[in-house]
Amino acid sequence: MSRLTNILTGLFGLGLMAIFVLGLSHSISTGFAGFWGGFPFMCIAFFVIGLAIYNFWEDAVRKDD
């Protein structure tokens, strides 16, 4: 794949994953668990999204051909 295609598909996948995980975190926090019940999952979700962003940066953006 070309570098531009790799970056665009990576951004699309990263965006979908982030929307899903943040939506899941929001539904847990506003549901029966409440804010403090959903807080640990929210922390884990932000950490995982940070790892995904770092992996995208390493594989698609910073990668030398």
Protein backbone atom coordinates (compact mmCIF):
# COMPACT_ATOMS: atom_id res chain seq x y z
CA MET A 1 0.00 0.00 0.00
CA SER A 2 1.10 3.54 -0.57
CA ARG A 3 1.95 5.70 2.40
CA LEU A 4 -1.09 7.96 1.88
CA THR A 5 -3.45 4.96 1.73
CA ASN A 6 -1.86 3.55 4.87
CA ILE A 7 -2.35 6.84 6.73
CA LEU A 8 -5.96 7.29 5.58
CA THR A 9 -7.03 3.75 6.45
CA GLY A 10 -5.21 4.01 9.77
CA LEU A 11 -7.01 7.24 10.63
CA PHE A 12 -10.35 5.74 9.64
CA GLY A 13 -9.78 2.64 11.77
CA LEU A 14 -8.46 4.65 14.69
CA GLY A 15 -11.48 6.94 14.53
CA LEU A 16 -13.94 4.04 14.48
CA MET A 17 -12.19 2.34 17.38
CA ALA A 18 -12.08 5.55 19.43
CA ILE A 19 -15.77 6.31 18.80
CA PHE A 20 -16.74 2.78 19.82
CA VAL A 21 -14.63 2.68 22.99
CA LEU A 22 -15.59 6.19 24.12
CA GLY A 23 -19.27 5.49 23.41
CA LEU A 24 -19.06 2.30 25.44
CA SER A 25 -17.38 4.18 28.27
CA HIS A 26 -20.05 6.88 28.16
CA SER A 27 -22.88 4.35 28.26
CA ILE A 28 -21.32 2.56 31.23
CA SER A 29 -20.77 5.82 33.12
CA THR A 30 -24.28 7.16 32.53
CA GLY A 31 -26.02 3.85 33.11
CA PHE A 32 -26.55 1.80 36.23
CA ALA A 33 -22.85 1.85 37.21
CA GLY A 34 -22.78 5.63 37.57
CA PHE A 35 -19.72 7.82 37.16
CA TRP A 36 -17.57 6.16 39.81
CA GLY A 37 -18.51 2.69 38.62
CA GLY A 38 -17.52 3.51 35.05
CA PHE A 39 -14.43 5.52 35.99
CA PRO A 40 -11.97 2.56 35.94
CA PHE A 41 -13.17 1.58 32.46
CA MET A 42 -12.86 5.19 31.32
CA CYS A 43 -9.24 5.30 32.49
CA ILE A 44 -8.46 2.04 30.70
CA ALA A 45 -10.24 3.28 27.55
CA PHE A 46 -8.16 6.47 27.41
CA PHE A 47 -4.97 4.45 27.95
CA VAL A 48 -5.86 2.01 25.15
CA ILE A 49 -6.73 4.86 22.76
CA GLY A 50 -3.37 6.46 23.58
CA LEU A 51 -1.62 3.19 22.76
CA ALA A 52 -3.52 2.95 19.48
CA ILE A 53 -2.53 6.52 18.56
CA TYR A 54 1.12 5.73 19.34
CA ASN A 55 0.97 2.56 17.24
CA PHE A 56 -0.59 4.48 14.34
CA TRP A 57 2.16 7.09 14.60
CA GLU A 58 4.91 4.46 14.61
CA ASP A 59 3.52 2.33 11.78
CA ALA A 60 1.95 4.80 9.37
CA VAL A 61 3.29 8.29 9.93
CA ARG A 62 6.88 7.92 11.13
CA LYS A 63 7.67 4.85 9.05
CA ASP A 64 10.51 5.35 6.56
CA ASP A 65 10.04 3.61 3.23
